[in-house]
């Protein structure tokens, strides 16, 4: 039998995914922080990198590796701490280089970091996000039909749909934050404060992820 996700399961999953994505969480706060620090281009590149980082998680969960990670406190905690500390690092860097924000708002994403670097940073955050792993492991199986064929294939399809939805809605957050940054950026001191604010946001987010004790 050909593996297919049933129509009812698909629509329910889309609704659940959109509700989860649009509510500010780790990915949204990361994107907003990056857009405030780097502008719309930097924010969108971070969104793309973050989405690409989710794809290995989709593949891992579909192949059963995600279930192993979720059942291991050591592995889950390690991923959480590494991802959290990396966000703190990005936040510190944004604060250290906040003065660059007042130099050129429109050119900052290009002059301060290469597109490849911004993509790589977003990818690392996406692939180490414990909340994404938990969502894929705990939620995806609920929308799989055992009668519809290959479970791994269905989970891969659902996971890919989630990544696509996240790419769209996170991009809207990045554009909104980037536009606000450019508006405030007309005053150099305000732009500098925004760059620092984005860094503080990333540090708080990274600390919360790294120090949260309950993996459930």
C-alpha atoms as a PDB file:
ATOM      1  CA  UNK A   1       0.000   0.000   0.000  1.00  0.00           C
ATOM      2  CA  UNK A   2       1.300   3.438  -0.896  1.00  0.00           C
ATOM      3  CA  UNK A   3       2.180   5.489   2.181  1.00  0.00           C
ATOM      4  CA  UNK A   4       0.078   8.635   2.374  1.00  0.00           C
ATOM      5  CA  UNK A   5      -0.967  11.003   5.117  1.00  0.00           C
ATOM      6  CA  UNK A   6      -4.753  11.080   5.392  1.00  0.00           C
ATOM      7  CA  UNK A   7      -6.474  14.368   4.569  1.00  0.00           C
ATOM      8  CA  UNK A   8      -7.977  14.734   8.034  1.00  0.00           C
ATOM      9  CA  UNK A   9      -4.652  14.112   9.746  1.00  0.00           C
ATOM     10  CA  UNK A  10      -2.924  16.511   7.396  1.00  0.00           C
ATOM     11  CA  UNK A  11      -5.245  19.427   8.097  1.00  0.00           C
ATOM     12  CA  UNK A  12      -5.175  18.818  11.846  1.00  0.00           C
ATOM     13  CA  UNK A  13      -1.391  18.749  11.732  1.00  0.00           C
ATOM     14  CA  UNK A  14      -1.230  21.999   9.751  1.00  0.00           C
ATOM     15  CA  UNK A  15      -3.486  23.738  12.273  1.00  0.00           C
ATOM     16  CA  UNK A  16      -1.446  22.429  15.215  1.00  0.00           C
ATOM     17  CA  UNK A  17       1.812  23.425  13.522  1.00  0.00           C
ATOM     18  CA  UNK A  18       0.675  26.958  12.684  1.00  0.00           C
ATOM     19  CA  UNK A  19      -0.526  27.509  16.238  1.00  0.00           C
ATOM     20  CA  UNK A  20       2.815  26.333  17.582  1.00  0.00           C
ATOM     21  CA  UNK A  21       4.888  28.329  15.097  1.00  0.00           C
ATOM     22  CA  UNK A  22       3.135  31.695  15.369  1.00  0.00           C
ATOM     23  CA  UNK A  23       3.303  31.710  19.177  1.00  0.00           C
ATOM     24  CA  UNK A  24       6.675  33.256  20.113  1.00  0.00           C
ATOM     25  CA  UNK A  25       9.097  30.518  21.131  1.00  0.00           C
ATOM     26  CA  UNK A  26      12.809  29.751  20.724  1.00  0.00           C
ATOM     27  CA  UNK A  27      12.834  29.967  16.915  1.00  0.00           C
ATOM     28  CA  UNK A  28      10.745  33.152  16.805  1.00  0.00           C
ATOM     29  CA  UNK A  29      12.829  34.877  19.479  1.00  0.00           C
ATOM     30  CA  UNK A  30      16.008  33.811  17.698  1.00  0.00           C
ATOM     31  CA  UNK A  31      14.765  35.253  14.401  1.00  0.00           C
ATOM     32  CA  UNK A  32      13.622  38.515  15.999  1.00  0.00           C
ATOM     33  CA  UNK A  33      16.924  38.890  17.806  1.00  0.00           C
ATOM     34  CA  UNK A  34      18.898  38.299  14.635  1.00  0.00           C
ATOM     35  CA  UNK A  35      16.720  40.652  12.571  1.00  0.00           C
ATOM     36  CA  UNK A  36      17.166  43.391  15.177  1.00  0.00           C
ATOM     37  CA  UNK A  37      20.932  42.888  15.147  1.00  0.00           C
ATOM     38  CA  UNK A  38      21.497  42.244  11.434  1.00  0.00           C
ATOM     39  CA  UNK A  39      18.476  43.667   9.613  1.00  0.00           C
ATOM     40  CA  UNK A  40      15.961  42.011   7.320  1.00  0.00           C
ATOM     41  CA  UNK A  41      18.525  40.222   5.154  1.00  0.00           C
ATOM     42  CA  UNK A  42      20.312  38.797   8.177  1.00  0.00           C
ATOM     43  CA  UNK A  43      16.989  37.827   9.709  1.00  0.00           C
ATOM     44  CA  UNK A  44      15.832  36.025   6.585  1.00  0.00           C
ATOM     45  CA  UNK A  45      19.151  34.214   6.216  1.00  0.00           C
ATOM     46  CA  UNK A  46      18.823  33.129   9.852  1.00  0.00           C
ATOM     47  CA  UNK A  47      15.320  31.857   9.115  1.00  0.00           C
ATOM     48  CA  UNK A  48      16.599  29.847   6.166  1.00  0.00           C
ATOM     49  CA  UNK A  49      19.493  28.430   8.160  1.00  0.00           C
ATOM     50  CA  UNK A  50      17.194  27.563  11.049  1.00  0.00           C
ATOM     51  CA  UNK A  51      14.795  25.770   8.681  1.00  0.00           C
ATOM     52  CA  UNK A  52      17.636  23.846   7.049  1.00  0.00           C
ATOM     53  CA  UNK A  53      18.759  22.808  10.523  1.00  0.00           C
ATOM     54  CA  UNK A  54      15.366  21.227  11.133  1.00  0.00           C
ATOM     55  CA  UNK A  55      15.689  18.893   8.139  1.00  0.00           C
ATOM     56  CA  UNK A  56      18.237  16.538   9.757  1.00  0.00           C
ATOM     57  CA  UNK A  57      15.915  16.351  12.772  1.00  0.00           C
ATOM     58  CA  UNK A  58      13.039  15.356  10.496  1.00  0.00           C
ATOM     59  CA  UNK A  59      15.166  12.633   8.937  1.00  0.00           C
ATOM     60  CA  UNK A  60      16.409  11.449  12.331  1.00  0.00           C
ATOM     61  CA  UNK A  61      12.928  11.238  13.812  1.00  0.00           C
ATOM     62  CA  UNK A  62      11.571   9.490  10.736  1.00  0.00           C
ATOM     63  CA  UNK A  63      14.325   6.897  11.023  1.00  0.00           C
ATOM     64  CA  UNK A  64      13.783   6.408  14.731  1.00  0.00           C
ATOM     65  CA  UNK A  65      16.867   8.198  16.018  1.00  0.00           C
ATOM     66  CA  UNK A  66      14.769  10.984  17.506  1.00  0.00           C
ATOM     67  CA  UNK A  67      13.003   8.539  19.802  1.00  0.00           C
ATOM     68  CA  UNK A  68      16.368   7.344  21.127  1.00  0.00           C
ATOM     69  CA  UNK A  69      17.525  10.899  21.818  1.00  0.00           C
ATOM     70  CA  UNK A  70      14.246  11.811  23.513  1.00  0.00           C
ATOM     71  CA  UNK A  71      14.484   8.774  25.785  1.00  0.00           C
ATOM     72  CA  UNK A  72      18.043   9.625  26.866  1.00  0.00           C
ATOM     73  CA  UNK A  73      18.318  12.352  29.478  1.00  0.00           C
ATOM     74  CA  UNK A  74      22.051  12.664  28.813  1.00  0.00           C
ATOM     75  CA  UNK A  75      21.749  13.170  25.049  1.00  0.00           C
ATOM     76  CA  UNK A  76      18.736  15.448  25.323  1.00  0.00           C
ATOM     77  CA  UNK A  77      20.390  17.588  28.006  1.00  0.00           C
ATOM     78  CA  UNK A  78      23.631  17.780  26.012  1.00  0.00           C
ATOM     79  CA  UNK A  79      21.812  19.071  22.931  1.00  0.00           C
ATOM     80  CA  UNK A  80      19.875  21.547  25.043  1.00  0.00           C
ATOM     81  CA  UNK A  81      22.987  22.933  26.741  1.00  0.00           C
ATOM     82  CA  UNK A  82      25.054  23.164  23.557  1.00  0.00           C
ATOM     83  CA  UNK A  83      22.263  24.936  21.663  1.00  0.00           C
ATOM     84  CA  UNK A  84      21.581  27.283  24.577  1.00  0.00           C
ATOM     85  CA  UNK A  85      25.231  28.238  25.029  1.00  0.00           C
ATOM     86  CA  UNK A  86      25.562  28.902  21.316  1.00  0.00           C
ATOM     87  CA  UNK A  87      22.655  31.348  21.483  1.00  0.00           C
ATOM     88  CA  UNK A  88      24.362  33.070  24.424  1.00  0.00           C
ATOM     89  CA  UNK A  89      27.532  33.339  22.322  1.00  0.00           C
ATOM     90  CA  UNK A  90      25.623  34.929  19.442  1.00  0.00           C
ATOM     91  CA  UNK A  91      23.996  37.358  21.878  1.00  0.00           C
ATOM     92  CA  UNK A  92      27.340  38.395  23.355  1.00  0.00           C
ATOM     93  CA  UNK A  93      28.716  38.960  19.849  1.00  0.00           C
ATOM     94  CA  UNK A  94      25.713  41.134  18.963  1.00  0.00           C
ATOM     95  CA  UNK A  95      26.262  43.281  22.064  1.00  0.00           C
ATOM     96  CA  UNK A  96      30.010  43.563  21.453  1.00  0.00           C
ATOM     97  CA  UNK A  97      29.454  44.777  17.887  1.00  0.00           C
ATOM     98  CA  UNK A  98      26.365  46.880  18.583  1.00  0.00           C
ATOM     99  CA  UNK A  99      28.155  50.059  17.471  1.00  0.00           C
ATOM    100  CA  UNK A 100      28.248  48.679  13.929  1.00  0.00           C
ATOM    101  CA  UNK A 101      24.476  49.034  13.814  1.00  0.00           C
ATOM    102  CA  UNK A 102      24.722  52.812  13.633  1.00  0.00           C
ATOM    103  CA  UNK A 103      27.194  52.721  10.717  1.00  0.00           C
ATOM    104  CA  UNK A 104      24.937  51.329   8.019  1.00  0.00           C
ATOM    105  CA  UNK A 105      21.611  49.717   8.792  1.00  0.00           C
ATOM    106  CA  UNK A 106      21.067  48.421   5.290  1.00  0.00           C
ATOM    107  CA  UNK A 107      24.579  47.052   4.780  1.00  0.00           C
ATOM    108  CA  UNK A 108      25.160  45.517   8.220  1.00  0.00           C
ATOM    109  CA  UNK A 109      24.035  42.006   7.319  1.00  0.00           C
ATOM    110  CA  UNK A 110      26.559  41.961   4.490  1.00  0.00           C
ATOM    111  CA  UNK A 111      29.503  43.863   5.961  1.00  0.00           C
ATOM    112  CA  UNK A 112      29.604  42.309   9.447  1.00  0.00           C
ATOM    113  CA  UNK A 113      28.981  38.672   8.504  1.00  0.00           C
ATOM    114  CA  UNK A 114      29.098  36.693   5.310  1.00  0.00           C
ATOM    115  CA  UNK A 115      25.814  35.108   4.167  1.00  0.00           C
ATOM    116  CA  UNK A 116      27.417  31.692   4.609  1.00  0.00           C
ATOM    117  CA  UNK A 117      28.255  32.440   8.231  1.00  0.00           C
ATOM    118  CA  UNK A 118      24.746  33.698   9.034  1.00  0.00           C
ATOM    119  CA  UNK A 119      23.259  30.588   7.407  1.00  0.00           C
ATOM    120  CA  UNK A 120      25.614  28.344   9.362  1.00  0.00           C
ATOM    121  CA  UNK A 121      24.732  30.032  12.640  1.00  0.00           C
ATOM    122  CA  UNK A 122      21.019  29.628  11.933  1.00  0.00           C
ATOM    123  CA  UNK A 123      21.546  25.996  10.951  1.00  0.00           C
ATOM    124  CA  UNK A 124      23.323  25.242  14.226  1.00  0.00           C
ATOM    125  CA  UNK A 125      20.498  26.780  16.247  1.00  0.00           C
ATOM    126  CA  UNK A 126      17.890  24.826  14.268  1.00  0.00           C
ATOM    127  CA  UNK A 127      19.601  21.453  14.561  1.00  0.00           C
ATOM    128  CA  UNK A 128      20.235  21.834  18.327  1.00  0.00           C
ATOM    129  CA  UNK A 129      16.778  23.139  19.293  1.00  0.00           C
ATOM    130  CA  UNK A 130      15.487  20.634  21.904  1.00  0.00           C
ATOM    131  CA  UNK A 131      11.932  21.929  21.635  1.00  0.00           C
ATOM    132  CA  UNK A 132      11.878  21.061  17.936  1.00  0.00           C
ATOM    133  CA  UNK A 133      13.144  17.564  18.699  1.00  0.00           C
ATOM    134  CA  UNK A 134      10.510  17.148  21.391  1.00  0.00           C
ATOM    135  CA  UNK A 135       7.787  18.350  19.014  1.00  0.00           C
ATOM    136  CA  UNK A 136       8.818  15.980  16.242  1.00  0.00           C
ATOM    137  CA  UNK A 137       9.079  13.007  18.583  1.00  0.00           C
ATOM    138  CA  UNK A 138       5.930  13.660  20.608  1.00  0.00           C
ATOM    139  CA  UNK A 139       3.584  15.251  18.068  1.00  0.00           C
ATOM    140  CA  UNK A 140       4.357  13.784  14.647  1.00  0.00           C
ATOM    141  CA  UNK A 141       3.347  10.212  15.576  1.00  0.00           C
ATOM    142  CA  UNK A 142      -0.106  11.431  16.622  1.00  0.00           C
ATOM    143  CA  UNK A 143      -0.899  12.355  13.013  1.00  0.00           C
ATOM    144  CA  UNK A 144       0.339   9.129  11.449  1.00  0.00           C
ATOM    145  CA  UNK A 145      -2.076   6.465  10.268  1.00  0.00           C
ATOM    146  CA  UNK A 146      -0.822   2.891  10.639  1.00  0.00           C
ATOM    147  CA  UNK A 147      -3.280   1.795   7.956  1.00  0.00           C
ATOM    148  CA  UNK A 148      -1.845   4.233   5.402  1.00  0.00           C
ATOM    149  CA  UNK A 149       1.495   2.555   4.875  1.00  0.00           C
ATOM    150  CA  UNK A 150       5.086   3.443   5.796  1.00  0.00           C
ATOM    151  CA  UNK A 151       5.185   5.318   9.099  1.00  0.00           C
ATOM    152  CA  UNK A 152       8.692   6.765   8.503  1.00  0.00           C
ATOM    153  CA  UNK A 153       7.548   8.167   5.163  1.00  0.00           C
ATOM    154  CA  UNK A 154       4.477   9.779   6.715  1.00  0.00           C
ATOM    155  CA  UNK A 155       6.571  11.308   9.489  1.00  0.00           C
ATOM    156  CA  UNK A 156       9.050  12.635   6.933  1.00  0.00           C
ATOM    157  CA  UNK A 157       6.208  14.264   4.972  1.00  0.00           C
ATOM    158  CA  UNK A 158       4.702  15.848   8.093  1.00  0.00           C
ATOM    159  CA  UNK A 159       8.084  17.040   9.290  1.00  0.00           C
ATOM    160  CA  UNK A 160       8.826  18.639   5.926  1.00  0.00           C
ATOM    161  CA  UNK A 161       5.464  20.418   5.992  1.00  0.00           C
ATOM    162  CA  UNK A 162       6.276  21.767   9.452  1.00  0.00           C
ATOM    163  CA  UNK A 163       9.623  23.093   8.209  1.00  0.00           C
ATOM    164  CA  UNK A 164       7.924  24.799   5.247  1.00  0.00           C
ATOM    165  CA  UNK A 165       5.351  26.447   7.521  1.00  0.00           C
ATOM    166  CA  UNK A 166       8.080  27.571   9.911  1.00  0.00           C
ATOM    167  CA  UNK A 167      10.004  29.061   6.982  1.00  0.00           C
ATOM    168  CA  UNK A 168       6.993  31.147   5.934  1.00  0.00           C
ATOM    169  CA  UNK A 169       5.879  32.416   9.330  1.00  0.00           C
ATOM    170  CA  UNK A 170       9.371  32.972  10.727  1.00  0.00           C
ATOM    171  CA  UNK A 171      10.145  35.013   7.606  1.00  0.00           C
ATOM    172  CA  UNK A 172       7.209  37.275   8.442  1.00  0.00           C
ATOM    173  CA  UNK A 173       8.641  37.779  11.938  1.00  0.00           C
ATOM    174  CA  UNK A 174      12.046  38.574  10.435  1.00  0.00           C
ATOM    175  CA  UNK A 175      10.599  41.108   7.992  1.00  0.00           C
ATOM    176  CA  UNK A 176       8.578  42.801  10.724  1.00  0.00           C
ATOM    177  CA  UNK A 177      11.524  43.005  13.122  1.00  0.00           C
ATOM    178  CA  UNK A 178      13.895  44.091  10.362  1.00  0.00           C
ATOM    179  CA  UNK A 179      11.534  46.845   9.244  1.00  0.00           C
ATOM    180  CA  UNK A 180      11.171  48.119  12.799  1.00  0.00           C
ATOM    181  CA  UNK A 181      14.962  48.097  13.140  1.00  0.00           C
ATOM    182  CA  UNK A 182      15.405  50.189  10.003  1.00  0.00           C
ATOM    183  CA  UNK A 183      12.790  52.678  11.190  1.00  0.00           C
ATOM    184  CA  UNK A 184      14.490  53.129  14.542  1.00  0.00           C
ATOM    185  CA  UNK A 185      17.847  52.964  12.831  1.00  0.00           C
ATOM    186  CA  UNK A 186      17.415  56.456  11.456  1.00  0.00           C
ATOM    187  CA  UNK A 187      18.670  57.628  14.856  1.00  0.00           C
ATOM    188  CA  UNK A 188      22.161  56.152  15.433  1.00  0.00           C
ATOM    189  CA  UNK A 189      21.790  55.747  19.199  1.00  0.00           C
ATOM    190  CA  UNK A 190      18.460  53.987  18.808  1.00  0.00           C
ATOM    191  CA  UNK A 191      19.963  51.613  16.248  1.00  0.00           C
ATOM    192  CA  UNK A 192      22.814  50.819  18.624  1.00  0.00           C
ATOM    193  CA  UNK A 193      20.362  50.073  21.421  1.00  0.00           C
ATOM    194  CA  UNK A 194      18.393  47.792  19.111  1.00  0.00           C
ATOM    195  CA  UNK A 195      21.512  45.822  18.277  1.00  0.00           C
ATOM    196  CA  UNK A 196      22.188  45.396  21.978  1.00  0.00           C
ATOM    197  CA  UNK A 197      18.540  44.505  22.621  1.00  0.00           C
ATOM    198  CA  UNK A 198      18.746  41.720  20.055  1.00  0.00           C
ATOM    199  CA  UNK A 199      21.850  40.410  21.786  1.00  0.00           C
ATOM    200  CA  UNK A 200      20.193  40.488  25.208  1.00  0.00           C
ATOM    201  CA  UNK A 201      17.205  38.626  23.775  1.00  0.00           C
ATOM    202  CA  UNK A 202      19.457  35.880  22.431  1.00  0.00           C
ATOM    203  CA  UNK A 203      21.338  35.607  25.722  1.00  0.00           C
ATOM    204  CA  UNK A 204      18.101  35.295  27.715  1.00  0.00           C
ATOM    205  CA  UNK A 205      16.763  32.724  25.273  1.00  0.00           C
ATOM    206  CA  UNK A 206      19.980  30.708  25.315  1.00  0.00           C
ATOM    207  CA  UNK A 207      20.134  30.782  29.111  1.00  0.00           C
ATOM    208  CA  UNK A 208      16.525  29.666  29.428  1.00  0.00           C
ATOM    209  CA  UNK A 209      17.076  26.730  27.076  1.00  0.00           C
ATOM    210  CA  UNK A 210      20.362  25.659  28.650  1.00  0.00           C
ATOM    211  CA  UNK A 211      19.110  25.893  32.229  1.00  0.00           C
ATOM    212  CA  UNK A 212      15.584  24.520  31.839  1.00  0.00           C
ATOM    213  CA  UNK A 213      15.613  21.385  33.906  1.00  0.00           C
ATOM    214  CA  UNK A 214      12.527  19.492  32.787  1.00  0.00           C
ATOM    215  CA  UNK A 215      12.909  17.874  29.376  1.00  0.00           C
ATOM    216  CA  UNK A 216       9.177  17.226  29.131  1.00  0.00           C
END
